[in-house]
């Protein structure tokens, strides 16, 4: 996305027009930026596992997760917390309003042929 922002933006808008839902992965780390939430047509933001991992031990991580969840809700985006491993993390995320979660609490990674259709 960083090399040719305008071309990426045009492609994402074409995909969105086709009904494709678009997620920003690993939000809060690396090259993710608040300006991307304003410019790109994201439907979902995936909160990086580094914040989930420290959720019950770090006031800072807890505050960052809360801020991301509230910001995304105000922008009509869903949030998915990555790396959920404990019931305590899951409960804390639900209490903060996080709309989705993924991680070892639910399942270890599986090959595609082992996943049942929902």
PDB file of N, CA and C in Angstrom:
ATOM      1  N   UNK A   1       0.820  -1.196   0.000  1.00  0.00           N
ATOM      2  CA  UNK A   1       0.000   0.000   0.000  1.00  0.00           C
ATOM      3  C   UNK A   1       0.860   1.255   0.000  1.00  0.00           C
ATOM      4  N   UNK A   2       2.042   1.155   0.543  1.00  0.00           N
ATOM      5  CA  UNK A   2       2.851   2.356   0.702  1.00  0.00           C
ATOM      6  C   UNK A   2       3.519   2.828  -0.581  1.00  0.00           C
ATOM      7  N   UNK A   3       3.804   1.910  -1.519  1.00  0.00           N
ATOM      8  CA  UNK A   3       4.533   2.291  -2.718  1.00  0.00           C
ATOM      9  C   UNK A   3       3.713   3.199  -3.634  1.00  0.00           C
ATOM     10  N   UNK A   4       2.473   2.840  -3.911  1.00  0.00           N
ATOM     11  CA  UNK A   4       1.637   3.597  -4.837  1.00  0.00           C
ATOM     12  C   UNK A   4       0.253   3.764  -4.218  1.00  0.00           C
ATOM     13  N   UNK A   5       0.142   4.708  -3.334  1.00  0.00           N
ATOM     14  CA  UNK A   5      -1.071   4.893  -2.549  1.00  0.00           C
ATOM     15  C   UNK A   5      -2.296   5.137  -3.411  1.00  0.00           C
ATOM     16  N   UNK A   6      -2.161   5.953  -4.427  1.00  0.00           N
ATOM     17  CA  UNK A   6      -3.327   6.276  -5.256  1.00  0.00           C
ATOM     18  C   UNK A   6      -3.827   5.056  -6.026  1.00  0.00           C
ATOM     19  N   UNK A   7      -2.921   4.267  -6.567  1.00  0.00           N
ATOM     20  CA  UNK A   7      -3.325   3.047  -7.274  1.00  0.00           C
ATOM     21  C   UNK A   7      -3.954   2.055  -6.308  1.00  0.00           C
ATOM     22  N   UNK A   8      -3.386   1.922  -5.128  1.00  0.00           N
ATOM     23  CA  UNK A   8      -3.942   1.022  -4.118  1.00  0.00           C
ATOM     24  C   UNK A   8      -5.333   1.476  -3.718  1.00  0.00           C
ATOM     25  N   UNK A   9      -5.494   2.756  -3.504  1.00  0.00           N
ATOM     26  CA  UNK A   9      -6.792   3.308  -3.126  1.00  0.00           C
ATOM     27  C   UNK A   9      -7.831   3.036  -4.210  1.00  0.00           C
ATOM     28  N   UNK A  10      -7.480   3.238  -5.460  1.00  0.00           N
ATOM     29  CA  UNK A  10      -8.405   2.981  -6.567  1.00  0.00           C
ATOM     30  C   UNK A  10      -8.787   1.503  -6.623  1.00  0.00           C
ATOM     31  N   UNK A  11      -7.811   0.621  -6.450  1.00  0.00           N
ATOM     32  CA  UNK A  11      -8.086  -0.820  -6.466  1.00  0.00           C
ATOM     33  C   UNK A  11      -9.006  -1.218  -5.321  1.00  0.00           C
ATOM     34  N   UNK A  12      -8.742  -0.704  -4.134  1.00  0.00           N
ATOM     35  CA  UNK A  12      -9.591  -1.022  -2.982  1.00  0.00           C
ATOM     36  C   UNK A  12     -11.028  -0.537  -3.195  1.00  0.00           C
ATOM     37  N   UNK A  13     -11.195   0.628  -3.782  1.00  0.00           N
ATOM     38  CA  UNK A  13     -12.547   1.127  -4.042  1.00  0.00           C
ATOM     39  C   UNK A  13     -13.258   0.270  -5.095  1.00  0.00           C
ATOM     40  N   UNK A  14     -12.534  -0.211  -6.099  1.00  0.00           N
ATOM     41  CA  UNK A  14     -13.140  -1.112  -7.093  1.00  0.00           C
ATOM     42  C   UNK A  14     -13.557  -2.430  -6.435  1.00  0.00           C
ATOM     43  N   UNK A  15     -12.713  -2.967  -5.583  1.00  0.00           N
ATOM     44  CA  UNK A  15     -13.057  -4.204  -4.869  1.00  0.00           C
ATOM     45  C   UNK A  15     -14.277  -3.999  -3.977  1.00  0.00           C
ATOM     46  N   UNK A  16     -14.304  -2.891  -3.279  1.00  0.00           N
ATOM     47  CA  UNK A  16     -15.431  -2.566  -2.393  1.00  0.00           C
ATOM     48  C   UNK A  16     -16.729  -2.484  -3.203  1.00  0.00           C
ATOM     49  N   UNK A  17     -16.668  -1.895  -4.388  1.00  0.00           N
ATOM     50  CA  UNK A  17     -17.851  -1.784  -5.257  1.00  0.00           C
ATOM     51  C   UNK A  17     -18.358  -3.159  -5.690  1.00  0.00           C
ATOM     52  N   UNK A  18     -17.466  -4.153  -5.709  1.00  0.00           N
ATOM     53  CA  UNK A  18     -17.852  -5.521  -6.057  1.00  0.00           C
ATOM     54  C   UNK A  18     -18.425  -6.287  -4.859  1.00  0.00           C
ATOM     55  N   UNK A  19     -18.391  -5.656  -3.688  1.00  0.00           N
ATOM     56  CA  UNK A  19     -18.919  -6.307  -2.489  1.00  0.00           C
ATOM     57  C   UNK A  19     -17.870  -6.958  -1.611  1.00  0.00           C
ATOM     58  N   UNK A  20     -16.603  -6.782  -1.948  1.00  0.00           N
ATOM     59  CA  UNK A  20     -15.520  -7.347  -1.136  1.00  0.00           C
ATOM     60  C   UNK A  20     -15.377  -6.525   0.134  1.00  0.00           C
ATOM     61  N   UNK A  21     -15.277  -7.217   1.273  1.00  0.00           N
ATOM     62  CA  UNK A  21     -15.032  -6.534   2.546  1.00  0.00           C
ATOM     63  C   UNK A  21     -13.527  -6.466   2.764  1.00  0.00           C
ATOM     64  N   UNK A  22     -13.053  -5.340   3.274  1.00  0.00           N
ATOM     65  CA  UNK A  22     -11.619  -5.081   3.363  1.00  0.00           C
ATOM     66  C   UNK A  22     -11.217  -4.862   4.817  1.00  0.00           C
ATOM     67  N   UNK A  23     -10.150  -5.552   5.220  1.00  0.00           N
ATOM     68  CA  UNK A  23      -9.657  -5.453   6.601  1.00  0.00           C
ATOM     69  C   UNK A  23      -8.230  -4.926   6.619  1.00  0.00           C
ATOM     70  N   UNK A  24      -7.924  -4.126   7.636  1.00  0.00           N
ATOM     71  CA  UNK A  24      -6.542  -3.722   7.895  1.00  0.00           C
ATOM     72  C   UNK A  24      -6.019  -4.674   8.958  1.00  0.00           C
ATOM     73  N   UNK A  25      -4.947  -5.377   8.635  1.00  0.00           N
ATOM     74  CA  UNK A  25      -4.381  -6.368   9.539  1.00  0.00           C
ATOM     75  C   UNK A  25      -3.313  -5.740  10.433  1.00  0.00           C
ATOM     76  N   UNK A  26      -3.131  -6.320  11.621  1.00  0.00           N
ATOM     77  CA  UNK A  26      -2.072  -5.926  12.563  1.00  0.00           C
ATOM     78  C   UNK A  26      -2.094  -4.442  12.909  1.00  0.00           C
ATOM     79  N   UNK A  27      -3.298  -3.887  13.080  1.00  0.00           N
ATOM     80  CA  UNK A  27      -3.389  -2.461  13.363  1.00  0.00           C
ATOM     81  C   UNK A  27      -2.698  -2.130  14.683  1.00  0.00           C
ATOM     82  N   UNK A  28      -1.979  -1.037  14.675  1.00  0.00           N
ATOM     83  CA  UNK A  28      -1.297  -0.559  15.869  1.00  0.00           C
ATOM     84  C   UNK A  28       0.196  -0.823  15.851  1.00  0.00           C
ATOM     85  N   UNK A  29       0.676  -1.543  14.826  1.00  0.00           N
ATOM     86  CA  UNK A  29       2.103  -1.843  14.745  1.00  0.00           C
ATOM     87  C   UNK A  29       2.607  -1.555  13.330  1.00  0.00           C
ATOM     88  N   UNK A  30       3.895  -1.592  13.181  1.00  0.00           N
ATOM     89  CA  UNK A  30       4.503  -1.458  11.854  1.00  0.00           C
ATOM     90  C   UNK A  30       4.111  -0.175  11.149  1.00  0.00           C
ATOM     91  N   UNK A  31       3.635  -0.349   9.923  1.00  0.00           N
ATOM     92  CA  UNK A  31       3.327   0.799   9.081  1.00  0.00           C
ATOM     93  C   UNK A  31       1.880   1.259   9.174  1.00  0.00           C
ATOM     94  N   UNK A  32       1.091   0.650  10.049  1.00  0.00           N
ATOM     95  CA  UNK A  32      -0.308   1.087  10.148  1.00  0.00           C
ATOM     96  C   UNK A  32      -0.361   2.524  10.650  1.00  0.00           C
ATOM     97  N   UNK A  33      -1.325   3.234  10.162  1.00  0.00           N
ATOM     98  CA  UNK A  33      -1.421   4.654  10.469  1.00  0.00           C
ATOM     99  C   UNK A  33      -2.880   5.051  10.630  1.00  0.00           C
ATOM    100  N   UNK A  34      -3.133   5.980  11.526  1.00  0.00           N
ATOM    101  CA  UNK A  34      -4.497   6.481  11.683  1.00  0.00           C
ATOM    102  C   UNK A  34      -5.010   7.100  10.398  1.00  0.00           C
ATOM    103  N   UNK A  35      -4.124   7.691   9.611  1.00  0.00           N
ATOM    104  CA  UNK A  35      -4.572   8.306   8.360  1.00  0.00           C
ATOM    105  C   UNK A  35      -5.131   7.260   7.403  1.00  0.00           C
ATOM    106  N   UNK A  36      -4.661   6.016   7.484  1.00  0.00           N
ATOM    107  CA  UNK A  36      -5.206   4.953   6.629  1.00  0.00           C
ATOM    108  C   UNK A  36      -6.682   4.724   6.923  1.00  0.00           C
ATOM    109  N   UNK A  37      -7.066   4.849   8.189  1.00  0.00           N
ATOM    110  CA  UNK A  37      -8.475   4.663   8.542  1.00  0.00           C
ATOM    111  C   UNK A  37      -9.355   5.714   7.889  1.00  0.00           C
ATOM    112  N   UNK A  38      -8.790   6.863   7.647  1.00  0.00           N
ATOM    113  CA  UNK A  38      -9.531   7.956   7.017  1.00  0.00           C
ATOM    114  C   UNK A  38      -9.540   7.817   5.492  1.00  0.00           C
ATOM    115  N   UNK A  39      -8.436   7.376   4.916  1.00  0.00           N
ATOM    116  CA  UNK A  39      -8.304   7.354   3.459  1.00  0.00           C
ATOM    117  C   UNK A  39      -8.793   6.083   2.791  1.00  0.00           C
ATOM    118  N   UNK A  40      -8.606   4.933   3.430  1.00  0.00           N
ATOM    119  CA  UNK A  40      -8.904   3.664   2.788  1.00  0.00           C
ATOM    120  C   UNK A  40     -10.256   3.125   3.232  1.00  0.00           C
ATOM    121  N   UNK A  41     -10.943   2.394   2.348  1.00  0.00           N
ATOM    122  CA  UNK A  41     -12.309   1.934   2.641  1.00  0.00           C
ATOM    123  C   UNK A  41     -12.350   0.626   3.455  1.00  0.00           C
ATOM    124  N   UNK A  42     -11.781   0.657   4.641  1.00  0.00           N
ATOM    125  CA  UNK A  42     -11.767  -0.544   5.473  1.00  0.00           C
ATOM    126  C   UNK A  42     -13.123  -0.804   6.110  1.00  0.00           C
ATOM    127  N   UNK A  43     -13.464  -2.077   6.209  1.00  0.00           N
ATOM    128  CA  UNK A  43     -14.660  -2.507   6.929  1.00  0.00           C
ATOM    129  C   UNK A  43     -14.304  -3.001   8.318  1.00  0.00           C
ATOM    130  N   UNK A  44     -13.073  -3.451   8.459  1.00  0.00           N
ATOM    131  CA  UNK A  44     -12.639  -4.104   9.683  1.00  0.00           C
ATOM    132  C   UNK A  44     -11.202  -3.737   9.987  1.00  0.00           C
ATOM    133  N   UNK A  45     -10.905  -3.667  11.268  1.00  0.00           N
ATOM    134  CA  UNK A  45      -9.545  -3.465  11.741  1.00  0.00           C
ATOM    135  C   UNK A  45      -9.207  -4.633  12.656  1.00  0.00           C
ATOM    136  N   UNK A  46      -8.070  -5.264  12.379  1.00  0.00           N
ATOM    137  CA  UNK A  46      -7.610  -6.374  13.208  1.00  0.00           C
ATOM    138  C   UNK A  46      -6.555  -5.843  14.171  1.00  0.00           C
ATOM    139  N   UNK A  47      -6.855  -5.918  15.450  1.00  0.00           N
ATOM    140  CA  UNK A  47      -5.969  -5.400  16.495  1.00  0.00           C
ATOM    141  C   UNK A  47      -4.820  -6.382  16.692  1.00  0.00           C
ATOM    142  N   UNK A  48      -3.608  -5.900  16.590  1.00  0.00           N
ATOM    143  CA  UNK A  48      -2.447  -6.766  16.679  1.00  0.00           C
ATOM    144  C   UNK A  48      -2.384  -7.505  18.016  1.00  0.00           C
ATOM    145  N   UNK A  49      -1.902  -8.734  17.936  1.00  0.00           N
ATOM    146  CA  UNK A  49      -1.834  -9.600  19.122  1.00  0.00           C
ATOM    147  C   UNK A  49      -0.948  -9.065  20.226  1.00  0.00           C
ATOM    148  N   UNK A  50      -0.015  -8.176  19.923  1.00  0.00           N
ATOM    149  CA  UNK A  50       0.843  -7.647  20.985  1.00  0.00           C
ATOM    150  C   UNK A  50       0.025  -6.887  22.026  1.00  0.00           C
ATOM    151  N   UNK A  51      -1.096  -6.310  21.622  1.00  0.00           N
ATOM    152  CA  UNK A  51      -1.962  -5.617  22.574  1.00  0.00           C
ATOM    153  C   UNK A  51      -2.852  -6.609  23.323  1.00  0.00           C
ATOM    154  N   UNK A  52      -3.339  -7.623  22.617  1.00  0.00           N
ATOM    155  CA  UNK A  52      -4.172  -8.653  23.250  1.00  0.00           C
ATOM    156  C   UNK A  52      -3.375  -9.407  24.300  1.00  0.00           C
ATOM    157  N   UNK A  53      -2.156  -9.761  23.970  1.00  0.00           N
ATOM    158  CA  UNK A  53      -1.297 -10.545  24.866  1.00  0.00           C
ATOM    159  C   UNK A  53      -1.103  -9.841  26.209  1.00  0.00           C
ATOM    160  N   UNK A  54      -0.993  -8.523  26.187  1.00  0.00           N
ATOM    161  CA  UNK A  54      -0.730  -7.758  27.408  1.00  0.00           C
ATOM    162  C   UNK A  54      -1.989  -7.157  28.027  1.00  0.00           C
ATOM    163  N   UNK A  55      -3.132  -7.472  27.476  1.00  0.00           N
ATOM    164  CA  UNK A  55      -4.384  -6.833  27.870  1.00  0.00           C
ATOM    165  C   UNK A  55      -4.647  -6.880  29.372  1.00  0.00           C
ATOM    166  N   UNK A  56      -4.429  -8.041  29.978  1.00  0.00           N
ATOM    167  CA  UNK A  56      -4.736  -8.184  31.398  1.00  0.00           C
ATOM    168  C   UNK A  56      -3.556  -7.833  32.304  1.00  0.00           C
ATOM    169  N   UNK A  57      -2.422  -7.452  31.714  1.00  0.00           N
ATOM    170  CA  UNK A  57      -1.238  -7.123  32.518  1.00  0.00           C
ATOM    171  C   UNK A  57      -0.749  -5.692  32.332  1.00  0.00           C
ATOM    172  N   UNK A  58      -1.275  -5.011  31.333  1.00  0.00           N
ATOM    173  CA  UNK A  58      -0.753  -3.689  31.013  1.00  0.00           C
ATOM    174  C   UNK A  58      -1.890  -2.676  30.858  1.00  0.00           C
ATOM    175  N   UNK A  59      -1.839  -1.671  31.678  1.00  0.00           N
ATOM    176  CA  UNK A  59      -2.831  -0.591  31.586  1.00  0.00           C
ATOM    177  C   UNK A  59      -2.747   0.098  30.234  1.00  0.00           C
ATOM    178  N   UNK A  60      -1.538   0.221  29.704  1.00  0.00           N
ATOM    179  CA  UNK A  60      -1.345   0.865  28.409  1.00  0.00           C
ATOM    180  C   UNK A  60      -1.989   0.050  27.286  1.00  0.00           C
ATOM    181  N   UNK A  61      -1.759  -1.259  27.270  1.00  0.00           N
ATOM    182  CA  UNK A  61      -2.370  -2.105  26.238  1.00  0.00           C
ATOM    183  C   UNK A  61      -3.884  -2.062  26.330  1.00  0.00           C
ATOM    184  N   UNK A  62      -4.394  -2.105  27.549  1.00  0.00           N
ATOM    185  CA  UNK A  62      -5.836  -2.038  27.746  1.00  0.00           C
ATOM    186  C   UNK A  62      -6.406  -0.729  27.200  1.00  0.00           C
ATOM    187  N   UNK A  63      -5.722   0.367  27.470  1.00  0.00           N
ATOM    188  CA  UNK A  63      -6.184   1.676  26.999  1.00  0.00           C
ATOM    189  C   UNK A  63      -6.100   1.764  25.475  1.00  0.00           C
ATOM    190  N   UNK A  64      -5.057   1.209  24.882  1.00  0.00           N
ATOM    191  CA  UNK A  64      -4.908   1.243  23.425  1.00  0.00           C
ATOM    192  C   UNK A  64      -6.012   0.431  22.762  1.00  0.00           C
ATOM    193  N   UNK A  65      -6.295  -0.758  23.292  1.00  0.00           N
ATOM    194  CA  UNK A  65      -7.374  -1.584  22.735  1.00  0.00           C
ATOM    195  C   UNK A  65      -8.701  -0.847  22.848  1.00  0.00           C
ATOM    196  N   UNK A  66      -8.980  -0.256  23.998  1.00  0.00           N
ATOM    197  CA  UNK A  66     -10.228   0.482  24.182  1.00  0.00           C
ATOM    198  C   UNK A  66     -10.337   1.617  23.167  1.00  0.00           C
ATOM    199  N   UNK A  67      -9.247   2.340  22.959  1.00  0.00           N
ATOM    200  CA  UNK A  67      -9.258   3.458  22.012  1.00  0.00           C
ATOM    201  C   UNK A  67      -9.485   2.978  20.579  1.00  0.00           C
ATOM    202  N   UNK A  68      -8.839   1.880  20.200  1.00  0.00           N
ATOM    203  CA  UNK A  68      -9.024   1.345  18.847  1.00  0.00           C
ATOM    204  C   UNK A  68     -10.466   0.913  18.643  1.00  0.00           C
ATOM    205  N   UNK A  69     -11.016   0.198  19.618  1.00  0.00           N
ATOM    206  CA  UNK A  69     -12.409  -0.274  19.515  1.00  0.00           C
ATOM    207  C   UNK A  69     -13.366   0.897  19.382  1.00  0.00           C
ATOM    208  N   UNK A  70     -13.200   1.912  20.200  1.00  0.00           N
ATOM    209  CA  UNK A  70     -14.098   3.076  20.156  1.00  0.00           C
ATOM    210  C   UNK A  70     -13.937   3.852  18.852  1.00  0.00           C
ATOM    211  N   UNK A  71     -12.710   4.033  18.406  1.00  0.00           N
ATOM    212  CA  UNK A  71     -12.462   4.740  17.145  1.00  0.00           C
ATOM    213  C   UNK A  71     -13.108   3.995  15.986  1.00  0.00           C
ATOM    214  N   UNK A  72     -12.899   2.693  15.932  1.00  0.00           N
ATOM    215  CA  UNK A  72     -13.474   1.899  14.839  1.00  0.00           C
ATOM    216  C   UNK A  72     -14.996   1.914  14.880  1.00  0.00           C
ATOM    217  N   UNK A  73     -15.569   1.827  16.049  1.00  0.00           N
ATOM    218  CA  UNK A  73     -17.030   1.889  16.164  1.00  0.00           C
ATOM    219  C   UNK A  73     -17.549   3.225  15.632  1.00  0.00           C
ATOM    220  N   UNK A  74     -16.854   4.312  15.943  1.00  0.00           N
ATOM    221  CA  UNK A  74     -17.265   5.638  15.465  1.00  0.00           C
ATOM    222  C   UNK A  74     -17.137   5.740  13.943  1.00  0.00           C
ATOM    223  N   UNK A  75     -16.240   4.941  13.358  1.00  0.00           N
ATOM    224  CA  UNK A  75     -16.040   4.948  11.906  1.00  0.00           C
ATOM    225  C   UNK A  75     -16.814   3.831  11.209  1.00  0.00           C
ATOM    226  N   UNK A  76     -17.720   3.178  11.933  1.00  0.00           N
ATOM    227  CA  UNK A  76     -18.537   2.071  11.409  1.00  0.00           C
ATOM    228  C   UNK A  76     -17.689   0.912  10.891  1.00  0.00           C
ATOM    229  N   UNK A  77     -16.641   0.589  11.626  1.00  0.00           N
ATOM    230  CA  UNK A  77     -15.785  -0.551  11.299  1.00  0.00           C
ATOM    231  C   UNK A  77     -15.872  -1.563  12.439  1.00  0.00           C
ATOM    232  N   UNK A  78     -15.808  -2.834  12.089  1.00  0.00           N
ATOM    233  CA  UNK A  78     -15.748  -3.852  13.125  1.00  0.00           C
ATOM    234  C   UNK A  78     -14.294  -4.029  13.559  1.00  0.00           C
ATOM    235  N   UNK A  79     -14.125  -4.652  14.720  1.00  0.00           N
ATOM    236  CA  UNK A  79     -12.778  -4.913  15.229  1.00  0.00           C
ATOM    237  C   UNK A  79     -12.632  -6.404  15.515  1.00  0.00           C
ATOM    238  N   UNK A  80     -11.473  -6.920  15.168  1.00  0.00           N
ATOM    239  CA  UNK A  80     -11.117  -8.299  15.471  1.00  0.00           C
ATOM    240  C   UNK A  80      -9.824  -8.276  16.268  1.00  0.00           C
ATOM    241  N   UNK A  81      -9.844  -8.850  17.447  1.00  0.00           N
ATOM    242  CA  UNK A  81      -8.626  -8.955  18.253  1.00  0.00           C
ATOM    243  C   UNK A  81      -7.905 -10.242  17.868  1.00  0.00           C
ATOM    244  N   UNK A  82      -6.643 -10.118  17.534  1.00  0.00           N
ATOM    245  CA  UNK A  82      -5.830 -11.279  17.182  1.00  0.00           C
ATOM    246  C   UNK A  82      -5.143 -11.827  18.432  1.00  0.00           C
ATOM    247  N   UNK A  83      -4.890 -13.129  18.428  1.00  0.00           N
ATOM    248  CA  UNK A  83      -4.078 -13.729  19.481  1.00  0.00           C
ATOM    249  C   UNK A  83      -4.774 -13.965  20.797  1.00  0.00           C
ATOM    250  N   UNK A  84      -6.094 -14.148  20.784  1.00  0.00           N
ATOM    251  CA  UNK A  84      -6.824 -14.389  22.025  1.00  0.00           C
ATOM    252  C   UNK A  84      -6.545 -15.820  22.489  1.00  0.00           C
ATOM    253  N   UNK A  85      -5.977 -15.946  23.683  1.00  0.00           N
ATOM    254  CA  UNK A  85      -5.587 -17.259  24.195  1.00  0.00           C
ATOM    255  C   UNK A  85      -6.293 -17.651  25.481  1.00  0.00           C
ATOM    256  N   UNK A  86      -6.874 -16.690  26.196  1.00  0.00           N
ATOM    257  CA  UNK A  86      -7.506 -17.017  27.477  1.00  0.00           C
ATOM    258  C   UNK A  86      -8.936 -16.483  27.544  1.00  0.00           C
ATOM    259  N   UNK A  87      -9.728 -17.116  28.392  1.00  0.00           N
ATOM    260  CA  UNK A  87     -11.097 -16.640  28.634  1.00  0.00           C
ATOM    261  C   UNK A  87     -11.081 -15.219  29.192  1.00  0.00           C
ATOM    262  N   UNK A  88     -10.079 -14.897  30.005  1.00  0.00           N
ATOM    263  CA  UNK A  88      -9.970 -13.557  30.595  1.00  0.00           C
ATOM    264  C   UNK A  88      -9.765 -12.503  29.513  1.00  0.00           C
ATOM    265  N   UNK A  89      -8.906 -12.793  28.545  1.00  0.00           N
ATOM    266  CA  UNK A  89      -8.705 -11.859  27.441  1.00  0.00           C
ATOM    267  C   UNK A  89      -9.997 -11.691  26.643  1.00  0.00           C
ATOM    268  N   UNK A  90     -10.647 -12.797  26.363  1.00  0.00           N
ATOM    269  CA  UNK A  90     -11.895 -12.758  25.599  1.00  0.00           C
ATOM    270  C   UNK A  90     -12.954 -11.930  26.319  1.00  0.00           C
ATOM    271  N   UNK A  91     -13.086 -12.129  27.621  1.00  0.00           N
ATOM    272  CA  UNK A  91     -14.071 -11.373  28.408  1.00  0.00           C
ATOM    273  C   UNK A  91     -13.730  -9.886  28.433  1.00  0.00           C
ATOM    274  N   UNK A  92     -12.455  -9.567  28.604  1.00  0.00           N
ATOM    275  CA  UNK A  92     -12.043  -8.154  28.628  1.00  0.00           C
ATOM    276  C   UNK A  92     -12.312  -7.488  27.289  1.00  0.00           C
ATOM    277  N   UNK A  93     -12.040  -8.198  26.191  1.00  0.00           N
ATOM    278  CA  UNK A  93     -12.301  -7.648  24.857  1.00  0.00           C
ATOM    279  C   UNK A  93     -13.792  -7.431  24.634  1.00  0.00           C
ATOM    280  N   UNK A  94     -14.603  -8.394  25.034  1.00  0.00           N
ATOM    281  CA  UNK A  94     -16.057  -8.258  24.887  1.00  0.00           C
ATOM    282  C   UNK A  94     -16.554  -7.072  25.704  1.00  0.00           C
ATOM    283  N   UNK A  95     -16.022  -6.913  26.910  1.00  0.00           N
ATOM    284  CA  UNK A  95     -16.415  -5.788  27.769  1.00  0.00           C
ATOM    285  C   UNK A  95     -16.059  -4.448  27.125  1.00  0.00           C
ATOM    286  N   UNK A  96     -14.968  -4.410  26.385  1.00  0.00           N
ATOM    287  CA  UNK A  96     -14.542  -3.179  25.708  1.00  0.00           C
ATOM    288  C   UNK A  96     -15.322  -2.923  24.422  1.00  0.00           C
ATOM    289  N   UNK A  97     -16.099  -3.922  23.972  1.00  0.00           N
ATOM    290  CA  UNK A  97     -16.899  -3.739  22.773  1.00  0.00           C
ATOM    291  C   UNK A  97     -16.261  -4.278  21.511  1.00  0.00           C
ATOM    292  N   UNK A  98     -15.170  -5.023  21.647  1.00  0.00           N
ATOM    293  CA  UNK A  98     -14.537  -5.627  20.473  1.00  0.00           C
ATOM    294  C   UNK A  98     -15.533  -6.621  19.870  1.00  0.00           C
ATOM    295  N   UNK A  99     -15.749  -6.541  18.573  1.00  0.00           N
ATOM    296  CA  UNK A  99     -16.828  -7.301  17.943  1.00  0.00           C
ATOM    297  C   UNK A  99     -16.444  -8.709  17.518  1.00  0.00           C
ATOM    298  N   UNK A 100     -15.137  -9.003  17.358  1.00  0.00           N
ATOM    299  CA  UNK A 100     -14.701 -10.333  16.938  1.00  0.00           C
ATOM    300  C   UNK A 100     -13.357 -10.653  17.587  1.00  0.00           C
ATOM    301  N   UNK A 101     -13.070 -11.954  17.676  1.00  0.00           N
ATOM    302  CA  UNK A 101     -11.786 -12.379  18.241  1.00  0.00           C
ATOM    303  C   UNK A 101     -11.322 -13.641  17.524  1.00  0.00           C
ATOM    304  N   UNK A 102     -10.019 -13.805  17.468  1.00  0.00           N
ATOM    305  CA  UNK A 102      -9.451 -15.023  16.903  1.00  0.00           C
ATOM    306  C   UNK A 102      -8.223 -15.395  17.710  1.00  0.00           C
ATOM    307  N   UNK A 103      -7.924 -16.672  17.769  1.00  0.00           N
ATOM    308  CA  UNK A 103      -6.738 -17.104  18.487  1.00  0.00           C
ATOM    309  C   UNK A 103      -6.863 -18.526  18.975  1.00  0.00           C
ATOM    310  N   UNK A 104      -5.842 -18.985  19.682  1.00  0.00           N
ATOM    311  CA  UNK A 104      -5.771 -20.359  20.159  1.00  0.00           C
ATOM    312  C   UNK A 104      -6.899 -20.717  21.122  1.00  0.00           C
ATOM    313  N   UNK A 105      -7.520 -19.735  21.762  1.00  0.00           N
ATOM    314  CA  UNK A 105      -8.668 -20.036  22.626  1.00  0.00           C
ATOM    315  C   UNK A 105      -9.746 -20.754  21.829  1.00  0.00           C
ATOM    316  N   UNK A 106      -9.875 -20.428  20.577  1.00  0.00           N
ATOM    317  CA  UNK A 106     -10.927 -20.989  19.724  1.00  0.00           C
ATOM    318  C   UNK A 106     -10.436 -22.178  18.907  1.00  0.00           C
ATOM    319  N   UNK A 107      -9.209 -22.089  18.372  1.00  0.00           N
ATOM    320  CA  UNK A 107      -8.678 -23.178  17.555  1.00  0.00           C
ATOM    321  C   UNK A 107      -7.234 -22.892  17.202  1.00  0.00           C
ATOM    322  N   UNK A 108      -6.470 -23.947  17.103  1.00  0.00           N
ATOM    323  CA  UNK A 108      -5.128 -23.860  16.532  1.00  0.00           C
ATOM    324  C   UNK A 108      -5.289 -23.719  15.021  1.00  0.00           C
ATOM    325  N   UNK A 109      -4.282 -23.208  14.321  1.00  0.00           N
ATOM    326  CA  UNK A 109      -4.373 -23.143  12.853  1.00  0.00           C
ATOM    327  C   UNK A 109      -4.636 -24.536  12.278  1.00  0.00           C
ATOM    328  N   UNK A 110      -5.467 -24.584  11.246  1.00  0.00           N
ATOM    329  CA  UNK A 110      -5.853 -25.844  10.616  1.00  0.00           C
ATOM    330  C   UNK A 110      -5.649 -25.750   9.109  1.00  0.00           C
ATOM    331  N   UNK A 111      -5.311 -26.868   8.480  1.00  0.00           N
ATOM    332  CA  UNK A 111      -5.274 -26.861   7.014  1.00  0.00           C
ATOM    333  C   UNK A 111      -6.690 -26.701   6.474  1.00  0.00           C
ATOM    334  N   UNK A 112      -6.801 -26.106   5.316  1.00  0.00           N
ATOM    335  CA  UNK A 112      -8.125 -25.797   4.741  1.00  0.00           C
ATOM    336  C   UNK A 112      -9.013 -27.028   4.631  1.00  0.00           C
ATOM    337  N   UNK A 113      -8.449 -28.182   4.309  1.00  0.00           N
ATOM    338  CA  UNK A 113      -9.287 -29.379   4.129  1.00  0.00           C
ATOM    339  C   UNK A 113      -9.841 -29.940   5.448  1.00  0.00           C
ATOM    340  N   UNK A 114      -9.391 -29.418   6.583  1.00  0.00           N
ATOM    341  CA  UNK A 114      -9.909 -29.876   7.875  1.00  0.00           C
ATOM    342  C   UNK A 114     -10.970 -28.949   8.465  1.00  0.00           C
ATOM    343  N   UNK A 115     -11.191 -27.824   7.834  1.00  0.00           N
ATOM    344  CA  UNK A 115     -12.163 -26.858   8.349  1.00  0.00           C
ATOM    345  C   UNK A 115     -13.535 -27.190   7.788  1.00  0.00           C
ATOM    346  N   UNK A 116     -14.495 -27.370   8.672  1.00  0.00           N
ATOM    347  CA  UNK A 116     -15.865 -27.646   8.243  1.00  0.00           C
ATOM    348  C   UNK A 116     -16.541 -26.354   7.793  1.00  0.00           C
ATOM    349  N   UNK A 117     -17.414 -26.484   6.839  1.00  0.00           N
ATOM    350  CA  UNK A 117     -18.219 -25.334   6.401  1.00  0.00           C
ATOM    351  C   UNK A 117     -19.176 -24.950   7.512  1.00  0.00           C
ATOM    352  N   UNK A 118     -19.301 -23.680   7.745  1.00  0.00           N
ATOM    353  CA  UNK A 118     -20.179 -23.186   8.820  1.00  0.00           C
ATOM    354  C   UNK A 118     -21.630 -23.193   8.389  1.00  0.00           C
TER     355      UNK A 118
END
